[in-house]
Amino acid sequence: MKIWFDILTPKQILFFDPMIKQLRKNNPILCTTRNYREVNELSKLKKMKLTVVGKHGGTTKPGKLDASLKRCISLGAIIERFKPDLTISFCSPEASRVAFGLGIRHVAFCDSPHAEAVMKLSIPFVDKLLIPWIIPKKEFTRYGIAQKDIIPYKAIDAAIIVKNAIRTKIRKDKEKTILIRVEEEQAAYVQKNNHTIQMIQKISNNLPQYKISVLPRYRSQIVKLKKTLENRVQILNKTMIGSELLQNVDVFVGSGGTMTAESALIGIPTISYNAAPNLVQDYLVRKKLVVLESNPDKIILQIEKFLSSDNKSLQKNAQKTLASMEDPYKKLIQTIRKQ
């Protein structure tokens, strides 16, 4: 069976990597992506061969539309030559449209029904949709897929990334480290007019005794952070594998995305400033693995509370939660065989 993966984000690289390695043993695989900084750099770190087709559309609606339409045309020609029997994506709008147009079966994964624009452009074209069991099926049926075509698996996607992470580094320094992940500001679903830089400034001003590292997503964020904060915090301007970076972190402050979930499942004290509210984050808050807080003063107090505690009960809770989760690869294989 010839299989086409369309991989658009860093999370998708880490999520799909073990599945691709398994499937590649017996199947020809084509992996495509778009020109997008963190994906390009992370694929090199993971030694994953990706065919770059088109680019990320940026922040504007005309830019997103233009990039998506051009990418569909370019992908169409490539996929018509490859002639796959199956498409697998994380609800890629372009993969959805091309697979539908060429009559190729499409199995998609998704944990982001809040990404309304992407859902509208992909879900109606998907044959089968695999989702974390914590998300109600009705969150997706409203976009045009039948309930019978939605298959839940007992895991959140960050669990697969954490379980497949190679933990070889041994921490040598004893300096307390706070890692702050800057939000995904170019996604259509993200809340705008945030005050992340002001929040980082306040944390660095009030907690100068700790090492503070900031992990941006875009070059524009790197430039802005260097201009404003370079002498106060460490700005990580190279793409890094999150689960490896987190091994040397005492407190993580994230925006509610994949790295927030990774940190929580590793057992690191985790605070989300809620730039991208979502159902996975809500689950982790209910499990007491993530603290939700947007007020900078309260974030500082929470950081201090975490750093003055041994956090052993938190770590045990994270280990138990992670151990309870299954590998969705098994559900993928079952789904492929049933079609």
Protein backbone atom coordinates (compact mmCIF):
# COMPACT_ATOMS: atom_id res chain seq x y z
CA MET A 1 0.00 0.00 0.00
CA LYS A 2 1.33 3.44 -0.96
CA ILE A 3 0.73 6.03 1.77
CA TRP A 4 0.94 9.83 1.69
CA PHE A 5 1.44 11.81 4.91
CA ASP A 6 0.96 15.58 4.86
CA ILE A 7 2.80 17.00 7.89
CA LEU A 8 2.31 20.69 8.68
CA THR A 9 3.47 21.43 12.24
CA PRO A 10 6.24 20.46 14.68
CA LYS A 11 3.69 18.52 16.75
CA GLN A 12 2.73 16.49 13.67
CA ILE A 13 6.37 15.55 13.02
CA LEU A 14 6.74 14.20 16.54
CA PHE A 15 3.31 12.53 16.52
CA PHE A 16 3.64 10.85 13.14
CA ASP A 17 7.34 9.93 13.30
CA PRO A 18 6.92 6.55 15.10
CA MET A 19 3.93 5.65 12.89
CA ILE A 20 5.85 6.41 9.71
CA LYS A 21 8.79 4.28 10.87
CA GLN A 22 6.44 1.34 11.45
CA LEU A 23 4.52 1.72 8.19
CA ARG A 24 7.67 2.28 6.14
CA LYS A 25 8.82 -1.29 6.86
CA ASN A 26 6.24 -2.66 4.42
CA ASN A 27 4.84 0.33 2.52
CA PRO A 28 6.17 3.05 0.19
CA ILE A 29 5.70 6.38 2.01
CA LEU A 30 5.67 9.97 0.74
CA CYS A 31 5.81 12.75 3.34
CA THR A 32 5.03 16.30 2.30
CA THR A 33 5.11 19.57 4.21
CA ARG A 34 5.17 23.32 3.54
CA ASN A 35 7.92 25.89 3.99
CA TYR A 36 7.59 26.68 7.69
CA ARG A 37 10.53 27.46 9.98
CA GLU A 38 10.00 25.12 12.92
CA VAL A 39 8.89 22.20 10.73
CA ASN A 40 11.87 22.56 8.38
CA GLU A 41 14.36 22.68 11.24
CA LEU A 42 12.72 19.96 13.37
CA SER A 43 12.55 17.54 10.43
CA LYS A 44 16.35 17.84 10.12
CA LEU A 45 16.78 17.13 13.84
CA LYS A 46 14.54 14.06 13.52
CA LYS A 47 16.17 13.04 10.19
CA MET A 48 12.74 12.87 8.59
CA LYS A 49 12.70 13.29 4.82
CA LEU A 50 9.96 15.73 3.82
CA THR A 51 9.08 17.06 0.38
CA VAL A 52 8.41 20.79 0.75
CA VAL A 53 5.37 21.92 -1.23
CA GLY A 54 4.19 25.52 -0.88
CA LYS A 55 4.45 27.69 2.21
CA HIS A 56 2.68 28.79 5.37
CA GLY A 57 0.17 31.57 4.63
CA GLY A 58 1.14 33.89 7.49
CA THR A 59 -1.31 35.95 9.51
CA THR A 60 -3.64 37.51 6.92
CA LYS A 61 -6.70 35.93 5.32
CA PRO A 62 -5.61 36.78 1.74
CA GLY A 63 -2.18 35.33 2.50
CA LYS A 64 -3.64 32.10 3.89
CA LEU A 65 -6.03 31.76 0.95
CA ASP A 66 -3.34 32.37 -1.67
CA ALA A 67 -0.87 29.94 -0.04
CA SER A 68 -3.50 27.21 0.37
CA LEU A 69 -4.81 27.41 -3.20
CA LYS A 70 -1.32 27.38 -4.71
CA ARG A 71 -0.31 24.50 -2.47
CA CYS A 72 -3.35 22.46 -3.56
CA ILE A 73 -2.40 22.83 -7.21
CA SER A 74 1.24 21.86 -6.59
CA LEU A 75 0.28 18.94 -4.36
CA GLY A 76 -2.25 17.72 -6.90
CA ALA A 77 0.44 17.23 -9.53
CA ILE A 78 2.82 15.47 -7.12
CA ILE A 79 0.17 13.17 -5.63
CA GLU A 80 -1.23 12.27 -9.04
CA ARG A 81 2.25 11.00 -9.97
CA PHE A 82 2.78 9.15 -6.66
CA LYS A 83 -0.71 7.56 -6.80
CA PRO A 84 -1.14 6.72 -3.08
CA ASP A 85 -3.78 4.30 -1.83
CA LEU A 86 -4.17 6.20 1.42
CA THR A 87 -3.71 9.74 2.75
CA ILE A 88 -2.94 10.37 6.44
CA SER A 89 -2.90 13.87 7.88
CA PHE A 90 -3.74 15.94 10.91
CA CYS A 91 -6.73 17.47 9.11
CA SER A 92 -4.59 19.25 6.53
CA PRO A 93 -6.96 21.37 4.40
CA GLU A 94 -4.80 20.91 1.30
CA ALA A 95 -4.40 17.14 1.77
CA SER A 96 -8.15 16.87 2.35
CA ARG A 97 -9.00 18.70 -0.85
CA VAL A 98 -6.41 16.90 -3.00
CA ALA A 99 -7.25 13.44 -1.65
CA PHE A 100 -10.96 14.04 -2.22
CA GLY A 101 -10.38 15.41 -5.70
CA LEU A 102 -8.23 12.42 -6.72
CA GLY A 103 -10.42 9.81 -5.02
CA ILE A 104 -7.89 8.77 -2.38
CA ARG A 105 -8.99 7.44 1.03
CA HIS A 106 -8.14 9.87 3.81
CA VAL A 107 -7.71 8.95 7.48
CA ALA A 108 -7.12 12.01 9.66
CA PHE A 109 -6.23 12.66 13.28
CA CYS A 110 -7.43 15.70 15.21
CA ASP A 111 -7.53 17.06 18.76
CA SER A 112 -8.38 20.64 17.81
CA PRO A 113 -12.08 21.17 17.05
CA HIS A 114 -11.55 24.78 18.19
CA ALA A 115 -9.56 25.37 14.97
CA GLU A 116 -12.77 26.25 13.17
CA ALA A 117 -11.32 27.36 9.84
CA VAL A 118 -9.21 24.22 9.46
CA MET A 119 -12.14 22.00 10.50
CA LYS A 120 -14.47 23.50 7.90
CA LEU A 121 -11.87 23.01 5.18
CA SER A 122 -10.97 19.42 6.04
CA ILE A 123 -13.56 17.46 8.05
CA PRO A 124 -16.21 17.22 5.26
CA PHE A 125 -13.64 15.49 3.01
CA VAL A 126 -12.25 13.01 5.57
CA ASP A 127 -13.25 9.32 5.38
CA LYS A 128 -12.31 8.41 8.96
CA LEU A 129 -11.33 10.68 11.85
CA LEU A 130 -9.31 9.50 14.86
CA ILE A 131 -9.62 11.63 18.01
CA PRO A 132 -8.62 11.58 21.71
CA TRP A 133 -11.39 9.96 23.76
CA ILE A 134 -11.80 13.03 25.96
CA ILE A 135 -13.27 15.06 23.07
CA PRO A 136 -17.01 14.50 22.42
CA LYS A 137 -17.80 13.37 18.88
CA LYS A 138 -20.33 16.21 18.56
CA GLU A 139 -17.39 18.65 18.48
CA PHE A 140 -16.61 17.23 15.02
CA THR A 141 -20.00 16.12 13.63
CA ARG A 142 -21.02 19.79 13.51
CA TYR A 143 -18.43 20.21 10.75
CA GLY A 144 -19.96 17.55 8.50
CA ILE A 145 -18.66 14.09 9.39
CA ALA A 146 -20.90 11.21 10.49
CA GLN A 147 -20.55 9.97 14.06
CA LYS A 148 -19.87 6.42 12.81
CA ASP A 149 -16.76 7.69 11.00
CA ILE A 150 -15.15 9.05 14.17
CA ILE A 151 -12.91 6.64 16.08
CA PRO A 152 -11.70 7.60 19.59
CA TYR A 153 -8.42 6.43 21.13
CA LYS A 154 -7.53 6.56 24.82
CA ALA A 155 -4.68 9.05 24.72
CA ILE A 156 -3.93 12.69 24.21
CA ASP A 157 -1.45 13.33 21.41
CA ALA A 158 1.31 14.67 23.63
CA ALA A 159 1.42 11.26 25.36
CA ILE A 160 2.69 9.64 22.16
CA ILE A 161 5.38 12.29 21.84
CA VAL A 162 6.48 11.92 25.48
CA LYS A 163 6.49 8.11 25.36
CA ASN A 164 8.64 8.11 22.22
CA ALA A 165 11.08 10.72 23.51
CA ILE A 166 14.66 9.55 24.05
CA ARG A 167 15.74 10.54 27.53
CA THR A 168 19.51 10.32 27.61
CA LYS A 169 20.62 13.63 29.06
CA ILE A 170 21.59 13.83 32.71
CA ARG A 171 21.08 17.18 34.34
CA LYS A 172 24.30 18.58 35.78
CA ASP A 173 23.43 22.13 36.79
CA LYS A 174 21.36 22.87 39.88
CA GLU A 175 20.19 26.29 38.74
CA LYS A 176 16.41 26.58 38.83
CA THR A 177 15.08 27.09 35.30
CA ILE A 178 11.80 28.54 34.07
CA LEU A 179 10.92 27.92 30.42
CA ILE A 180 8.33 30.10 28.69
CA ARG A 181 6.86 29.04 25.34
CA VAL A 182 5.56 31.88 23.16
CA GLU A 183 2.10 31.36 21.66
CA GLU A 184 1.16 30.28 18.13
CA GLU A 185 0.28 33.80 16.98
CA GLN A 186 -0.32 33.01 13.30
CA ALA A 187 -3.10 30.45 13.76
CA ALA A 188 -6.61 31.65 12.96
CA TYR A 189 -8.00 30.34 16.27
CA VAL A 190 -5.54 32.08 18.63
CA GLN A 191 -6.75 34.98 20.77
CA LYS A 192 -5.23 38.21 19.50
CA ASN A 193 -3.93 41.26 21.38
CA ASN A 194 -2.12 39.17 23.97
CA HIS A 195 0.49 40.63 26.29
CA THR A 196 3.08 37.85 26.37
CA ILE A 197 6.17 40.09 26.22
CA GLN A 198 4.90 42.20 29.12
CA MET A 199 4.26 39.00 31.06
CA ILE A 200 7.82 37.75 30.42
CA GLN A 201 9.20 41.15 31.44
CA LYS A 202 7.31 41.01 34.70
CA ILE A 203 8.47 37.45 35.45
CA SER A 204 12.10 38.35 34.74
CA ASN A 205 11.86 41.53 36.87
CA ASN A 206 10.37 39.71 39.84
CA LEU A 207 12.35 36.46 39.67
CA PRO A 208 15.92 37.54 38.76
CA GLN A 209 17.42 34.76 40.91
CA TYR A 210 16.24 32.09 38.46
CA LYS A 211 17.31 31.21 34.92
CA ILE A 212 14.53 32.20 32.50
CA SER A 213 14.51 30.78 28.97
CA VAL A 214 12.06 31.76 26.25
CA LEU A 215 11.24 29.54 23.25
CA PRO A 216 9.70 31.52 20.33
CA ARG A 217 8.01 30.03 17.25
CA TYR A 218 8.62 32.60 14.51
CA ARG A 219 11.56 34.75 13.41
CA SER A 220 9.39 37.83 13.99
CA GLN A 221 8.97 36.75 17.61
CA ILE A 222 12.72 36.21 17.97
CA VAL A 223 13.44 39.74 16.66
CA LYS A 224 10.85 41.31 18.97
CA LEU A 225 12.04 39.37 22.02
CA LYS A 226 15.70 40.19 21.38
CA LYS A 227 14.90 43.86 21.00
CA THR A 228 12.96 43.94 24.26
CA LEU A 229 14.35 41.23 26.54
CA GLU A 230 17.71 39.94 25.31
CA ASN A 231 19.69 41.13 28.36
CA ARG A 232 17.13 39.77 30.84
CA VAL A 233 16.31 36.26 29.56
CA GLN A 234 17.82 33.52 27.43
CA ILE A 235 16.12 33.54 24.01
CA LEU A 236 16.29 30.11 22.36
CA ASN A 237 16.47 31.06 18.70
CA LYS A 238 17.00 27.53 17.36
CA THR A 239 14.27 24.94 16.95
CA MET A 240 14.55 22.26 19.62
CA ILE A 241 12.82 18.97 20.41
CA GLY A 242 10.51 20.01 23.22
CA SER A 243 10.63 16.81 25.28
CA GLU A 244 14.44 16.97 25.32
CA LEU A 245 14.50 20.64 26.26
CA LEU A 246 12.01 20.03 29.07
CA GLN A 247 14.38 17.63 30.82
CA ASN A 248 16.28 20.60 32.23
CA VAL A 249 13.24 22.66 33.27
CA ASP A 250 11.79 23.19 36.77
CA VAL A 251 8.68 25.17 35.79
CA PHE A 252 7.07 25.50 32.37
CA VAL A 253 4.85 28.41 31.34
CA GLY A 254 3.04 27.75 28.06
CA SER A 255 0.14 28.89 25.94
CA GLY A 256 -2.01 25.75 26.15
CA GLY A 257 -0.60 23.91 23.14
CA THR A 258 1.27 20.65 22.63
CA MET A 259 4.34 21.59 24.66
CA THR A 260 2.13 22.52 27.60
CA ALA A 261 0.66 19.01 27.47
CA GLU A 262 4.11 17.41 27.08
CA SER A 263 5.39 19.27 30.12
CA ALA A 264 2.36 18.25 32.19
CA LEU A 265 2.68 14.55 31.27
CA ILE A 266 6.40 14.55 32.02
CA GLY A 267 5.50 15.77 35.52
CA ILE A 268 6.94 19.28 35.30
CA PRO A 269 4.98 21.97 37.19
CA THR A 270 3.08 23.61 34.34
CA ILE A 271 1.23 26.90 34.03
CA SER A 272 -0.83 27.85 30.98
CA TYR A 273 -1.56 31.49 30.21
CA ASN A 274 -4.39 30.25 27.99
CA ALA A 275 -3.59 31.87 24.64
CA ALA A 276 -5.23 28.92 22.87
CA PRO A 277 -8.07 27.51 25.04
CA ASN A 278 -8.84 23.91 24.08
CA LEU A 279 -10.38 20.68 25.36
CA VAL A 280 -7.05 18.90 25.90
CA GLN A 281 -5.90 21.72 28.14
CA ASP A 282 -9.22 21.56 30.01
CA TYR A 283 -8.62 17.84 30.64
CA LEU A 284 -5.12 18.48 32.02
CA VAL A 285 -6.48 21.21 34.29
CA ARG A 286 -9.13 18.78 35.61
CA LYS A 287 -6.38 16.22 36.23
CA LYS A 288 -4.50 18.87 38.24
CA LEU A 289 -1.52 18.63 35.89
CA VAL A 290 -1.84 22.20 34.57
CA VAL A 291 -2.61 25.43 36.39
CA LEU A 292 -4.55 27.94 34.31
CA GLU A 293 -3.58 31.55 34.97
CA SER A 294 -3.39 34.68 32.82
CA ASN A 295 -2.65 37.30 35.49
CA PRO A 296 1.14 37.94 35.50
CA ASP A 297 1.26 38.63 39.24
CA LYS A 298 -0.53 35.36 40.00
CA ILE A 299 1.71 33.50 37.53
CA ILE A 300 4.74 34.76 39.48
CA LEU A 301 3.22 33.60 42.77
CA GLN A 302 2.46 30.19 41.26
CA ILE A 303 6.01 29.84 39.93
CA GLU A 304 7.39 30.62 43.39
CA LYS A 305 5.02 28.08 44.95
CA PHE A 306 6.15 25.37 42.54
CA LEU A 307 9.84 26.17 43.05
CA SER A 308 9.51 25.93 46.83
CA SER A 309 7.83 22.49 46.68
CA ASP A 310 9.18 19.02 45.86
CA ASN A 311 6.14 18.44 43.54
CA LYS A 312 6.30 14.67 44.11
CA SER A 313 2.53 14.17 44.13
CA LEU A 314 2.33 16.05 40.82
CA GLN A 315 4.99 13.79 39.29
CA LYS A 316 3.21 10.61 40.49
CA ASN A 317 -0.05 11.90 39.05
CA ALA A 318 1.64 12.59 35.70
CA GLN A 319 3.22 9.11 35.60
CA LYS A 320 -0.11 7.43 36.35
CA THR A 321 -1.94 9.50 33.75
CA LEU A 322 0.68 8.84 31.07
CA ALA A 323 0.76 5.09 31.77
CA SER A 324 -3.01 4.85 31.28
CA MET A 325 -2.82 6.05 27.66
CA GLU A 326 -2.73 3.80 24.61
CA ASP A 327 -0.81 4.02 21.34
CA PRO A 328 -3.17 5.34 18.62
CA TYR A 329 -1.09 3.52 15.98
CA LYS A 330 -3.07 0.38 16.80
CA LYS A 331 -6.32 2.21 16.12
CA LEU A 332 -4.89 3.55 12.87
CA ILE A 333 -4.04 0.03 11.66
CA GLN A 334 -7.48 -1.28 12.67
CA THR A 335 -9.10 1.63 10.83
CA ILE A 336 -7.05 1.05 7.66
CA ARG A 337 -7.88 -2.68 7.63
CA LYS A 338 -11.61 -2.07 8.08
CA GLN A 339 -11.88 0.32 5.14
